Every structure is written in structure tokens, then in C-alpha cells.
């Protein structure tokens, strides 16, 4: 089992988002080339979990093709920070849309 989020990308459309449950979890948004633009989470304050979080992401990007993948987890904050650290270790930076919202005390991973 990999610590990376390796699920298949799905098009960020309302039809795809409608198929999601209302669970808590983490997600990645990528452009049409598969370059991760944002890592996010649906936590306890998300009205309908991943479904409502990704509906919001769709409306922010409406008219521009994007894709998403997600993972259901009750430990969404620690998994969110883990995914940010993995991205930072792999790319030497956070995804563009996470640069402004970076956690105050984000740890670092040693690249393997």
C-alpha cells in the first residue's frame, strides 16, 4: 500500500461529484494534464462531506477542465497534511492553490 493517493482521476463534473457519498475525506484537484493544483479535505464543517466540498471546487473552476480523486478517511486532517508533505517532497513545493493556505507547522518527509 502506497502513502500516495493513487486512485484514478475522474473528470470534475457535477455528474461525477453527484456519485460521491457524504463521507469525510481528502481530495486532489488536477488540471487536464494531471498536474495537481490543490489538495483539500472535507472535514466536520463540510455540510455534505466530499460531495459538497467537490461541488464547491467544481463551481470555482466551472468552464475549465479539471479532474479529481478522493479518499474517504476519518483522519482527514492528518491525511491532508501527509499528502501535502508528500507533494512537497516530490516537487519541492506545494500545489499552487495550497501555497497561500499552507498549515503553520507542516512537517517534511525525507525523499526515498
PDB file of N, CA and C in Angstrom:
ATOM      1  N   UNK A   1       0.838  -1.183   0.000  1.00  0.00           N
ATOM      2  CA  UNK A   1       0.000   0.000   0.000  1.00  0.00           C
ATOM      3  C   UNK A   1       0.881   1.242   0.000  1.00  0.00           C
ATOM      4  N   UNK A   2       0.611   2.146  -0.906  1.00  0.00           N
ATOM      5  CA  UNK A   2       1.380   3.373  -1.039  1.00  0.00           C
ATOM      6  C   UNK A   2       0.797   4.471  -0.153  1.00  0.00           C
ATOM      7  N   UNK A   3       1.639   5.378   0.287  1.00  0.00           N
ATOM      8  CA  UNK A   3       1.107   6.505   1.053  1.00  0.00           C
ATOM      9  C   UNK A   3       0.591   7.600   0.122  1.00  0.00           C
ATOM     10  N   UNK A   4       0.934   7.489  -1.162  1.00  0.00           N
ATOM     11  CA  UNK A   4       0.434   8.462  -2.129  1.00  0.00           C
ATOM     12  C   UNK A   4      -1.029   8.160  -2.464  1.00  0.00           C
ATOM     13  N   UNK A   5      -1.750   9.174  -2.866  1.00  0.00           N
ATOM     14  CA  UNK A   5      -3.127   8.997  -3.325  1.00  0.00           C
ATOM     15  C   UNK A   5      -3.029   8.598  -4.798  1.00  0.00           C
ATOM     16  N   UNK A   6      -3.288   7.326  -5.094  1.00  0.00           N
ATOM     17  CA  UNK A   6      -3.056   6.807  -6.440  1.00  0.00           C
ATOM     18  C   UNK A   6      -4.330   6.330  -7.135  1.00  0.00           C
ATOM     19  N   UNK A   7      -5.469   6.759  -6.672  1.00  0.00           N
ATOM     20  CA  UNK A   7      -6.718   6.377  -7.332  1.00  0.00           C
ATOM     21  C   UNK A   7      -6.769   7.026  -8.714  1.00  0.00           C
ATOM     22  N   UNK A   8      -7.633   6.485  -9.557  1.00  0.00           N
ATOM     23  CA  UNK A   8      -7.775   7.020 -10.906  1.00  0.00           C
ATOM     24  C   UNK A   8      -8.429   8.400 -10.880  1.00  0.00           C
ATOM     25  N   UNK A   9      -8.001   9.243 -11.796  1.00  0.00           N
ATOM     26  CA  UNK A   9      -8.595  10.569 -11.931  1.00  0.00           C
ATOM     27  C   UNK A   9      -9.983  10.443 -12.547  1.00  0.00           C
ATOM     28  N   UNK A  10     -10.898  11.289 -12.086  1.00  0.00           N
ATOM     29  CA  UNK A  10     -12.241  11.382 -12.656  1.00  0.00           C
ATOM     30  C   UNK A  10     -12.449  12.820 -13.101  1.00  0.00           C
ATOM     31  N   UNK A  11     -13.223  13.034 -14.153  1.00  0.00           N
ATOM     32  CA  UNK A  11     -13.483  14.417 -14.569  1.00  0.00           C
ATOM     33  C   UNK A  11     -14.262  15.162 -13.483  1.00  0.00           C
ATOM     34  N   UNK A  12     -13.884  16.397 -13.239  1.00  0.00           N
ATOM     35  CA  UNK A  12     -14.579  17.210 -12.234  1.00  0.00           C
ATOM     36  C   UNK A  12     -15.840  17.781 -12.873  1.00  0.00           C
ATOM     37  N   UNK A  13     -16.902  16.976 -12.818  1.00  0.00           N
ATOM     38  CA  UNK A  13     -18.209  17.371 -13.338  1.00  0.00           C
ATOM     39  C   UNK A  13     -19.239  17.158 -12.238  1.00  0.00           C
ATOM     40  N   UNK A  14     -20.354  17.828 -12.353  1.00  0.00           N
ATOM     41  CA  UNK A  14     -21.409  17.633 -11.358  1.00  0.00           C
ATOM     42  C   UNK A  14     -21.950  16.209 -11.381  1.00  0.00           C
ATOM     43  N   UNK A  15     -21.971  15.572 -12.555  1.00  0.00           N
ATOM     44  CA  UNK A  15     -22.434  14.179 -12.637  1.00  0.00           C
ATOM     45  C   UNK A  15     -21.524  13.261 -11.829  1.00  0.00           C
ATOM     46  N   UNK A  16     -20.202  13.443 -11.945  1.00  0.00           N
ATOM     47  CA  UNK A  16     -19.252  12.610 -11.188  1.00  0.00           C
ATOM     48  C   UNK A  16     -19.339  12.906  -9.689  1.00  0.00           C
ATOM     49  N   UNK A  17     -19.430  14.183  -9.346  1.00  0.00           N
ATOM     50  CA  UNK A  17     -19.495  14.570  -7.937  1.00  0.00           C
ATOM     51  C   UNK A  17     -20.778  14.057  -7.303  1.00  0.00           C
ATOM     52  N   UNK A  18     -21.852  14.020  -8.083  1.00  0.00           N
ATOM     53  CA  UNK A  18     -23.144  13.524  -7.587  1.00  0.00           C
ATOM     54  C   UNK A  18     -23.084  12.063  -7.151  1.00  0.00           C
ATOM     55  N   UNK A  19     -22.136  11.318  -7.680  1.00  0.00           N
ATOM     56  CA  UNK A  19     -21.997   9.902  -7.336  1.00  0.00           C
ATOM     57  C   UNK A  19     -21.301   9.683  -5.994  1.00  0.00           C
ATOM     58  N   UNK A  20     -20.702  10.735  -5.456  1.00  0.00           N
ATOM     59  CA  UNK A  20     -19.963  10.612  -4.196  1.00  0.00           C
ATOM     60  C   UNK A  20     -20.906  10.523  -3.008  1.00  0.00           C
ATOM     61  N   UNK A  21     -20.391   9.902  -1.969  1.00  0.00           N
ATOM     62  CA  UNK A  21     -21.127   9.856  -0.712  1.00  0.00           C
ATOM     63  C   UNK A  21     -20.873  11.132   0.076  1.00  0.00           C
ATOM     64  N   UNK A  22     -21.388  11.138   1.262  1.00  0.00           N
ATOM     65  CA  UNK A  22     -21.271  12.325   2.113  1.00  0.00           C
ATOM     66  C   UNK A  22     -20.268  12.093   3.237  1.00  0.00           C
ATOM     67  N   UNK A  23     -19.231  11.313   2.925  1.00  0.00           N
ATOM     68  CA  UNK A  23     -18.221  10.981   3.923  1.00  0.00           C
ATOM     69  C   UNK A  23     -17.162  12.073   4.037  1.00  0.00           C
ATOM     70  N   UNK A  24     -16.420  12.010   5.134  1.00  0.00           N
ATOM     71  CA  UNK A  24     -15.279  12.883   5.338  1.00  0.00           C
ATOM     72  C   UNK A  24     -14.091  12.306   4.575  1.00  0.00           C
ATOM     73  N   UNK A  25     -13.166  13.166   4.178  1.00  0.00           N
ATOM     74  CA  UNK A  25     -12.002  12.649   3.471  1.00  0.00           C
ATOM     75  C   UNK A  25     -11.144  13.733   2.863  1.00  0.00           C
ATOM     76  N   UNK A  26     -10.254  13.310   1.992  1.00  0.00           N
ATOM     77  CA  UNK A  26      -9.312  14.204   1.319  1.00  0.00           C
ATOM     78  C   UNK A  26      -9.494  14.077  -0.189  1.00  0.00           C
ATOM     79  N   UNK A  27      -9.004  15.084  -0.903  1.00  0.00           N
ATOM     80  CA  UNK A  27      -9.094  15.042  -2.362  1.00  0.00           C
ATOM     81  C   UNK A  27      -7.947  15.817  -2.990  1.00  0.00           C
ATOM     82  N   UNK A  28      -7.717  15.511  -4.253  1.00  0.00           N
ATOM     83  CA  UNK A  28      -6.772  16.255  -5.069  1.00  0.00           C
ATOM     84  C   UNK A  28      -7.516  16.744  -6.304  1.00  0.00           C
ATOM     85  N   UNK A  29      -7.185  17.968  -6.723  1.00  0.00           N
ATOM     86  CA  UNK A  29      -7.710  18.541  -7.955  1.00  0.00           C
ATOM     87  C   UNK A  29      -6.517  18.724  -8.887  1.00  0.00           C
ATOM     88  N   UNK A  30      -6.668  18.288 -10.134  1.00  0.00           N
ATOM     89  CA  UNK A  30      -5.593  18.438 -11.116  1.00  0.00           C
ATOM     90  C   UNK A  30      -6.135  19.103 -12.371  1.00  0.00           C
ATOM     91  N   UNK A  31      -5.223  19.708 -13.121  1.00  0.00           N
ATOM     92  CA  UNK A  31      -5.629  20.269 -14.404  1.00  0.00           C
ATOM     93  C   UNK A  31      -5.807  19.128 -15.402  1.00  0.00           C
ATOM     94  N   UNK A  32      -6.112  19.454 -16.648  1.00  0.00           N
ATOM     95  CA  UNK A  32      -6.394  18.410 -17.635  1.00  0.00           C
ATOM     96  C   UNK A  32      -5.172  17.554 -17.954  1.00  0.00           C
ATOM     97  N   UNK A  33      -3.975  18.035 -17.624  1.00  0.00           N
ATOM     98  CA  UNK A  33      -2.748  17.272 -17.855  1.00  0.00           C
ATOM     99  C   UNK A  33      -2.364  16.405 -16.662  1.00  0.00           C
ATOM    100  N   UNK A  34      -3.139  16.440 -15.590  1.00  0.00           N
ATOM    101  CA  UNK A  34      -2.861  15.627 -14.411  1.00  0.00           C
ATOM    102  C   UNK A  34      -1.906  16.274 -13.422  1.00  0.00           C
ATOM    103  N   UNK A  35      -1.648  17.569 -13.578  1.00  0.00           N
ATOM    104  CA  UNK A  35      -0.783  18.286 -12.646  1.00  0.00           C
ATOM    105  C   UNK A  35      -1.628  18.757 -11.466  1.00  0.00           C
ATOM    106  N   UNK A  36      -1.274  18.311 -10.266  1.00  0.00           N
ATOM    107  CA  UNK A  36      -2.062  18.628  -9.073  1.00  0.00           C
ATOM    108  C   UNK A  36      -2.019  20.132  -8.813  1.00  0.00           C
ATOM    109  N   UNK A  37      -3.205  20.727  -8.705  1.00  0.00           N
ATOM    110  CA  UNK A  37      -3.351  22.151  -8.441  1.00  0.00           C
ATOM    111  C   UNK A  37      -3.711  22.430  -6.989  1.00  0.00           C
ATOM    112  N   UNK A  38      -4.392  21.449  -6.354  1.00  0.00           N
ATOM    113  CA  UNK A  38      -4.838  21.652  -4.979  1.00  0.00           C
ATOM    114  C   UNK A  38      -5.033  20.315  -4.279  1.00  0.00           C
ATOM    115  N   UNK A  39      -4.679  20.285  -3.016  1.00  0.00           N
ATOM    116  CA  UNK A  39      -5.004  19.177  -2.134  1.00  0.00           C
ATOM    117  C   UNK A  39      -5.940  19.760  -1.081  1.00  0.00           C
ATOM    118  N   UNK A  40      -7.070  19.123  -0.882  1.00  0.00           N
ATOM    119  CA  UNK A  40      -8.049  19.648   0.064  1.00  0.00           C
ATOM    120  C   UNK A  40      -8.659  18.544   0.903  1.00  0.00           C
ATOM    121  N   UNK A  41      -9.557  18.943   1.774  1.00  0.00           N
ATOM    122  CA  UNK A  41     -10.236  17.968   2.629  1.00  0.00           C
ATOM    123  C   UNK A  41     -11.667  18.405   2.885  1.00  0.00           C
ATOM    124  N   UNK A  42     -12.475  17.409   3.174  1.00  0.00           N
ATOM    125  CA  UNK A  42     -13.852  17.634   3.605  1.00  0.00           C
ATOM    126  C   UNK A  42     -13.907  17.167   5.048  1.00  0.00           C
ATOM    127  N   UNK A  43     -14.031  18.127   5.955  1.00  0.00           N
ATOM    128  CA  UNK A  43     -13.997  17.811   7.373  1.00  0.00           C
ATOM    129  C   UNK A  43     -15.348  17.935   8.036  1.00  0.00           C
ATOM    130  N   UNK A  44     -15.310  18.024   9.336  1.00  0.00           N
ATOM    131  CA  UNK A  44     -16.518  18.079  10.145  1.00  0.00           C
ATOM    132  C   UNK A  44     -17.408  19.279   9.854  1.00  0.00           C
ATOM    133  N   UNK A  45     -16.848  20.342   9.293  1.00  0.00           N
ATOM    134  CA  UNK A  45     -17.642  21.526   8.973  1.00  0.00           C
ATOM    135  C   UNK A  45     -18.193  21.499   7.548  1.00  0.00           C
ATOM    136  N   UNK A  46     -17.846  20.469   6.776  1.00  0.00           N
ATOM    137  CA  UNK A  46     -18.392  20.327   5.421  1.00  0.00           C
ATOM    138  C   UNK A  46     -19.807  19.779   5.548  1.00  0.00           C
ATOM    139  N   UNK A  47     -20.763  20.509   5.028  1.00  0.00           N
ATOM    140  CA  UNK A  47     -22.168  20.143   5.196  1.00  0.00           C
ATOM    141  C   UNK A  47     -22.468  18.728   4.719  1.00  0.00           C
ATOM    142  N   UNK A  48     -21.994  18.373   3.530  1.00  0.00           N
ATOM    143  CA  UNK A  48     -22.236  17.039   2.989  1.00  0.00           C
ATOM    144  C   UNK A  48     -20.934  16.363   2.586  1.00  0.00           C
ATOM    145  N   UNK A  49     -19.884  16.547   3.365  1.00  0.00           N
ATOM    146  CA  UNK A  49     -18.624  15.854   3.166  1.00  0.00           C
ATOM    147  C   UNK A  49     -17.988  16.115   1.816  1.00  0.00           C
ATOM    148  N   UNK A  50     -17.408  15.049   1.246  1.00  0.00           N
ATOM    149  CA  UNK A  50     -16.698  15.166  -0.025  1.00  0.00           C
ATOM    150  C   UNK A  50     -17.606  15.684  -1.136  1.00  0.00           C
ATOM    151  N   UNK A  51     -18.843  15.293  -1.098  1.00  0.00           N
ATOM    152  CA  UNK A  51     -19.781  15.724  -2.136  1.00  0.00           C
ATOM    153  C   UNK A  51     -19.895  17.248  -2.193  1.00  0.00           C
ATOM    154  N   UNK A  52     -20.142  17.886  -1.064  1.00  0.00           N
ATOM    155  CA  UNK A  52     -20.298  19.347  -1.082  1.00  0.00           C
ATOM    156  C   UNK A  52     -18.952  20.060  -1.301  1.00  0.00           C
ATOM    157  N   UNK A  53     -17.862  19.492  -0.784  1.00  0.00           N
ATOM    158  CA  UNK A  53     -16.547  20.115  -0.991  1.00  0.00           C
ATOM    159  C   UNK A  53     -16.183  20.112  -2.471  1.00  0.00           C
ATOM    160  N   UNK A  54     -16.450  19.016  -3.155  1.00  0.00           N
ATOM    161  CA  UNK A  54     -16.098  18.944  -4.572  1.00  0.00           C
ATOM    162  C   UNK A  54     -17.094  19.682  -5.461  1.00  0.00           C
ATOM    163  N   UNK A  55     -18.338  19.824  -5.025  1.00  0.00           N
ATOM    164  CA  UNK A  55     -19.279  20.693  -5.752  1.00  0.00           C
ATOM    165  C   UNK A  55     -18.761  22.123  -5.731  1.00  0.00           C
ATOM    166  N   UNK A  56     -18.268  22.561  -4.575  1.00  0.00           N
ATOM    167  CA  UNK A  56     -17.706  23.905  -4.456  1.00  0.00           C
ATOM    168  C   UNK A  56     -16.490  24.057  -5.371  1.00  0.00           C
ATOM    169  N   UNK A  57     -15.622  23.056  -5.397  1.00  0.00           N
ATOM    170  CA  UNK A  57     -14.445  23.092  -6.275  1.00  0.00           C
ATOM    171  C   UNK A  57     -14.860  23.165  -7.747  1.00  0.00           C
ATOM    172  N   UNK A  58     -15.920  22.441  -8.106  1.00  0.00           N
ATOM    173  CA  UNK A  58     -16.419  22.490  -9.478  1.00  0.00           C
ATOM    174  C   UNK A  58     -16.846  23.909  -9.845  1.00  0.00           C
ATOM    175  N   UNK A  59     -17.604  24.560  -8.976  1.00  0.00           N
ATOM    176  CA  UNK A  59     -18.113  25.895  -9.278  1.00  0.00           C
ATOM    177  C   UNK A  59     -16.988  26.928  -9.351  1.00  0.00           C
ATOM    178  N   UNK A  60     -15.940  26.742  -8.575  1.00  0.00           N
ATOM    179  CA  UNK A  60     -14.780  27.640  -8.650  1.00  0.00           C
ATOM    180  C   UNK A  60     -14.112  27.530 -10.019  1.00  0.00           C
ATOM    181  N   UNK A  61     -14.101  26.326 -10.587  1.00  0.00           N
ATOM    182  CA  UNK A  61     -13.377  26.047 -11.837  1.00  0.00           C
ATOM    183  C   UNK A  61     -14.296  25.902 -13.049  1.00  0.00           C
ATOM    184  N   UNK A  62     -15.550  26.169 -12.899  1.00  0.00           N
ATOM    185  CA  UNK A  62     -16.531  25.938 -13.964  1.00  0.00           C
ATOM    186  C   UNK A  62     -16.061  26.533 -15.283  1.00  0.00           C
ATOM    187  N   UNK A  63     -16.168  25.740 -16.334  1.00  0.00           N
ATOM    188  CA  UNK A  63     -15.757  26.186 -17.660  1.00  0.00           C
ATOM    189  C   UNK A  63     -14.326  25.821 -18.015  1.00  0.00           C
ATOM    190  N   UNK A  64     -13.555  25.359 -17.029  1.00  0.00           N
ATOM    191  CA  UNK A  64     -12.178  24.919 -17.282  1.00  0.00           C
ATOM    192  C   UNK A  64     -12.076  23.447 -16.910  1.00  0.00           C
ATOM    193  N   UNK A  65     -11.545  22.602 -17.796  1.00  0.00           N
ATOM    194  CA  UNK A  65     -11.491  21.171 -17.489  1.00  0.00           C
ATOM    195  C   UNK A  65     -10.510  20.851 -16.359  1.00  0.00           C
ATOM    196  N   UNK A  66     -10.989  20.137 -15.369  1.00  0.00           N
ATOM    197  CA  UNK A  66     -10.168  19.663 -14.253  1.00  0.00           C
ATOM    198  C   UNK A  66     -10.589  18.237 -13.929  1.00  0.00           C
ATOM    199  N   UNK A  67      -9.797  17.586 -13.104  1.00  0.00           N
ATOM    200  CA  UNK A  67     -10.086  16.229 -12.656  1.00  0.00           C
ATOM    201  C   UNK A  67      -9.881  16.151 -11.152  1.00  0.00           C
ATOM    202  N   UNK A  68     -10.409  15.098 -10.564  1.00  0.00           N
ATOM    203  CA  UNK A  68     -10.257  14.934  -9.126  1.00  0.00           C
ATOM    204  C   UNK A  68     -10.102  13.464  -8.782  1.00  0.00           C
ATOM    205  N   UNK A  69      -9.591  13.220  -7.609  1.00  0.00           N
ATOM    206  CA  UNK A  69      -9.607  11.902  -6.987  1.00  0.00           C
ATOM    207  C   UNK A  69      -9.723  12.132  -5.492  1.00  0.00           C
ATOM    208  N   UNK A  70     -10.307  11.174  -4.801  1.00  0.00           N
ATOM    209  CA  UNK A  70     -10.541  11.382  -3.373  1.00  0.00           C
ATOM    210  C   UNK A  70     -10.386  10.074  -2.604  1.00  0.00           C
ATOM    211  N   UNK A  71     -10.303  10.243  -1.307  1.00  0.00           N
ATOM    212  CA  UNK A  71     -10.146   9.110  -0.398  1.00  0.00           C
ATOM    213  C   UNK A  71     -10.973   9.390   0.852  1.00  0.00           C
ATOM    214  N   UNK A  72     -11.801   8.447   1.228  1.00  0.00           N
ATOM    215  CA  UNK A  72     -12.616   8.572   2.434  1.00  0.00           C
ATOM    216  C   UNK A  72     -11.752   8.212   3.635  1.00  0.00           C
ATOM    217  N   UNK A  73     -11.726   9.104   4.633  1.00  0.00           N
ATOM    218  CA  UNK A  73     -10.979   8.828   5.857  1.00  0.00           C
ATOM    219  C   UNK A  73     -11.504   9.703   6.985  1.00  0.00           C
ATOM    220  N   UNK A  74     -11.577   9.122   8.144  1.00  0.00           N
ATOM    221  CA  UNK A  74     -11.979   9.893   9.326  1.00  0.00           C
ATOM    222  C   UNK A  74     -10.814  10.735   9.842  1.00  0.00           C
ATOM    223  N   UNK A  75      -9.597  10.362   9.498  1.00  0.00           N
ATOM    224  CA  UNK A  75      -8.404  11.118   9.908  1.00  0.00           C
ATOM    225  C   UNK A  75      -8.024  12.104   8.802  1.00  0.00           C
ATOM    226  N   UNK A  76      -8.988  12.891   8.354  1.00  0.00           N
ATOM    227  CA  UNK A  76      -8.789  13.758   7.198  1.00  0.00           C
ATOM    228  C   UNK A  76      -7.703  14.804   7.412  1.00  0.00           C
ATOM    229  N   UNK A  77      -7.547  15.354   8.610  1.00  0.00           N
ATOM    230  CA  UNK A  77      -6.517  16.395   8.815  1.00  0.00           C
ATOM    231  C   UNK A  77      -5.106  15.820   8.726  1.00  0.00           C
ATOM    232  N   UNK A  78      -4.867  14.693   9.378  1.00  0.00           N
ATOM    233  CA  UNK A  78      -3.524  14.117   9.318  1.00  0.00           C
ATOM    234  C   UNK A  78      -3.226  13.604   7.910  1.00  0.00           C
ATOM    235  N   UNK A  79      -4.232  13.056   7.225  1.00  0.00           N
ATOM    236  CA  UNK A  79      -4.029  12.584   5.845  1.00  0.00           C
ATOM    237  C   UNK A  79      -3.806  13.762   4.908  1.00  0.00           C
ATOM    238  N   UNK A  80      -4.523  14.847   5.097  1.00  0.00           N
ATOM    239  CA  UNK A  80      -4.348  16.068   4.307  1.00  0.00           C
ATOM    240  C   UNK A  80      -2.907  16.581   4.439  1.00  0.00           C
ATOM    241  N   UNK A  81      -2.425  16.686   5.669  1.00  0.00           N
ATOM    242  CA  UNK A  81      -1.062  17.159   5.889  1.00  0.00           C
ATOM    243  C   UNK A  81      -0.039  16.178   5.320  1.00  0.00           C
ATOM    244  N   UNK A  82      -0.321  14.887   5.426  1.00  0.00           N
ATOM    245  CA  UNK A  82       0.571  13.881   4.854  1.00  0.00           C
ATOM    246  C   UNK A  82       0.668  14.042   3.336  1.00  0.00           C
ATOM    247  N   UNK A  83      -0.476  14.240   2.663  1.00  0.00           N
ATOM    248  CA  UNK A  83      -0.461  14.429   1.211  1.00  0.00           C
ATOM    249  C   UNK A  83       0.290  15.700   0.817  1.00  0.00           C
ATOM    250  N   UNK A  84       0.146  16.769   1.613  1.00  0.00           N
ATOM    251  CA  UNK A  84       0.910  17.988   1.336  1.00  0.00           C
ATOM    252  C   UNK A  84       2.412  17.729   1.475  1.00  0.00           C
ATOM    253  N   UNK A  85       2.809  17.002   2.519  1.00  0.00           N
ATOM    254  CA  UNK A  85       4.231  16.708   2.722  1.00  0.00           C
ATOM    255  C   UNK A  85       4.792  15.834   1.599  1.00  0.00           C
ATOM    256  N   UNK A  86       4.006  14.873   1.132  1.00  0.00           N
ATOM    257  CA  UNK A  86       4.435  14.013   0.025  1.00  0.00           C
ATOM    258  C   UNK A  86       4.640  14.851  -1.230  1.00  0.00           C
ATOM    259  N   UNK A  87       3.676  15.723  -1.516  1.00  0.00           N
ATOM    260  CA  UNK A  87       3.782  16.579  -2.703  1.00  0.00           C
ATOM    261  C   UNK A  87       5.012  17.476  -2.602  1.00  0.00           C
ATOM    262  N   UNK A  88       5.227  18.033  -1.441  1.00  0.00           N
ATOM    263  CA  UNK A  88       6.374  18.914  -1.225  1.00  0.00           C
ATOM    264  C   UNK A  88       7.690  18.145  -1.405  1.00  0.00           C
ATOM    265  N   UNK A  89       7.764  16.933  -0.899  1.00  0.00           N
ATOM    266  CA  UNK A  89       8.970  16.117  -1.047  1.00  0.00           C
ATOM    267  C   UNK A  89       9.211  15.741  -2.517  1.00  0.00           C
ATOM    268  N   UNK A  90       8.133  15.449  -3.240  1.00  0.00           N
ATOM    269  CA  UNK A  90       8.257  15.047  -4.645  1.00  0.00           C
ATOM    270  C   UNK A  90       8.556  16.211  -5.579  1.00  0.00           C
ATOM    271  N   UNK A  91       7.980  17.395  -5.297  1.00  0.00           N
ATOM    272  CA  UNK A  91       8.043  18.522  -6.237  1.00  0.00           C
ATOM    273  C   UNK A  91       8.766  19.750  -5.687  1.00  0.00           C
ATOM    274  N   UNK A  92       9.224  19.681  -4.457  1.00  0.00           N
ATOM    275  CA  UNK A  92       9.929  20.801  -3.797  1.00  0.00           C
ATOM    276  C   UNK A  92       9.056  22.041  -3.643  1.00  0.00           C
ATOM    277  N   UNK A  93       7.758  21.844  -3.684  1.00  0.00           N
ATOM    278  CA  UNK A  93       6.803  22.930  -3.453  1.00  0.00           C
ATOM    279  C   UNK A  93       5.429  22.324  -3.197  1.00  0.00           C
ATOM    280  N   UNK A  94       4.542  23.140  -2.690  1.00  0.00           N
ATOM    281  CA  UNK A  94       3.149  22.712  -2.529  1.00  0.00           C
ATOM    282  C   UNK A  94       2.416  22.955  -3.840  1.00  0.00           C
ATOM    283  N   UNK A  95       1.240  22.334  -4.018  1.00  0.00           N
ATOM    284  CA  UNK A  95       0.434  22.658  -5.196  1.00  0.00           C
ATOM    285  C   UNK A  95       0.130  24.162  -5.197  1.00  0.00           C
ATOM    286  N   UNK A  96      -0.004  24.764  -6.381  1.00  0.00           N
ATOM    287  CA  UNK A  96      -0.199  26.221  -6.467  1.00  0.00           C
ATOM    288  C   UNK A  96      -1.308  26.778  -5.578  1.00  0.00           C
ATOM    289  N   UNK A  97      -2.429  26.089  -5.495  1.00  0.00           N
ATOM    290  CA  UNK A  97      -3.553  26.602  -4.716  1.00  0.00           C
ATOM    291  C   UNK A  97      -3.420  26.348  -3.219  1.00  0.00           C
ATOM    292  N   UNK A  98      -2.386  25.656  -2.810  1.00  0.00           N
ATOM    293  CA  UNK A  98      -2.145  25.426  -1.384  1.00  0.00           C
ATOM    294  C   UNK A  98      -1.068  26.344  -0.822  1.00  0.00           C
ATOM    295  N   UNK A  99      -0.362  27.050  -1.661  1.00  0.00           N
ATOM    296  CA  UNK A  99       0.733  27.902  -1.190  1.00  0.00           C
ATOM    297  C   UNK A  99       0.259  28.948  -0.179  1.00  0.00           C
ATOM    298  N   UNK A 100      -0.886  29.562  -0.418  1.00  0.00           N
ATOM    299  CA  UNK A 100      -1.382  30.603   0.486  1.00  0.00           C
ATOM    300  C   UNK A 100      -1.977  30.034   1.771  1.00  0.00           C
ATOM    301  N   UNK A 101      -2.501  28.804   1.706  1.00  0.00           N
ATOM    302  CA  UNK A 101      -3.186  28.207   2.852  1.00  0.00           C
ATOM    303  C   UNK A 101      -2.350  27.162   3.569  1.00  0.00           C
ATOM    304  N   UNK A 102      -1.048  27.198   3.411  1.00  0.00           N
ATOM    305  CA  UNK A 102      -0.198  26.151   3.987  1.00  0.00           C
ATOM    306  C   UNK A 102      -0.356  26.101   5.497  1.00  0.00           C
ATOM    307  N   UNK A 103      -0.432  24.885   6.051  1.00  0.00           N
ATOM    308  CA  UNK A 103      -0.518  24.755   7.515  1.00  0.00           C
ATOM    309  C   UNK A 103       0.687  25.419   8.170  1.00  0.00           C
ATOM    310  N   UNK A 104       0.479  26.007   9.336  1.00  0.00           N
ATOM    311  CA  UNK A 104       1.537  26.751  10.020  1.00  0.00           C
ATOM    312  C   UNK A 104       2.733  25.861  10.351  1.00  0.00           C
ATOM    313  N   UNK A 105       2.495  24.631  10.710  1.00  0.00           N
ATOM    314  CA  UNK A 105       3.588  23.755  11.122  1.00  0.00           C
ATOM    315  C   UNK A 105       3.597  22.489  10.276  1.00  0.00           C
ATOM    316  N   UNK A 106       3.799  22.625   8.982  1.00  0.00           N
ATOM    317  CA  UNK A 106       3.847  21.470   8.102  1.00  0.00           C
ATOM    318  C   UNK A 106       5.212  20.816   8.207  1.00  0.00           C
ATOM    319  N   UNK A 107       5.221  19.528   8.529  1.00  0.00           N
ATOM    320  CA  UNK A 107       6.462  18.787   8.634  1.00  0.00           C
ATOM    321  C   UNK A 107       7.077  18.542   7.270  1.00  0.00           C
ATOM    322  N   UNK A 108       8.138  17.771   7.247  1.00  0.00           N
ATOM    323  CA  UNK A 108       8.812  17.439   5.996  1.00  0.00           C
ATOM    324  C   UNK A 108       9.124  15.955   5.982  1.00  0.00           C
ATOM    325  N   UNK A 109       9.085  15.382   4.800  1.00  0.00           N
ATOM    326  CA  UNK A 109       9.450  13.986   4.620  1.00  0.00           C
ATOM    327  C   UNK A 109      10.817  13.931   3.963  1.00  0.00           C
ATOM    328  N   UNK A 110      11.580  12.906   4.285  1.00  0.00           N
ATOM    329  CA  UNK A 110      12.834  12.682   3.590  1.00  0.00           C
ATOM    330  C   UNK A 110      12.521  11.903   2.324  1.00  0.00           C
ATOM    331  N   UNK A 111      12.940  12.420   1.147  1.00  0.00           N
ATOM    332  CA  UNK A 111      12.650  11.696  -0.089  1.00  0.00           C
ATOM    333  C   UNK A 111      13.320  10.332  -0.082  1.00  0.00           C
ATOM    334  N   UNK A 112      12.602   9.343  -0.583  1.00  0.00           N
ATOM    335  CA  UNK A 112      13.126   7.969  -0.597  1.00  0.00           C
ATOM    336  C   UNK A 112      14.018   7.729  -1.787  1.00  0.00           C
TER     337      UNK A 112
END
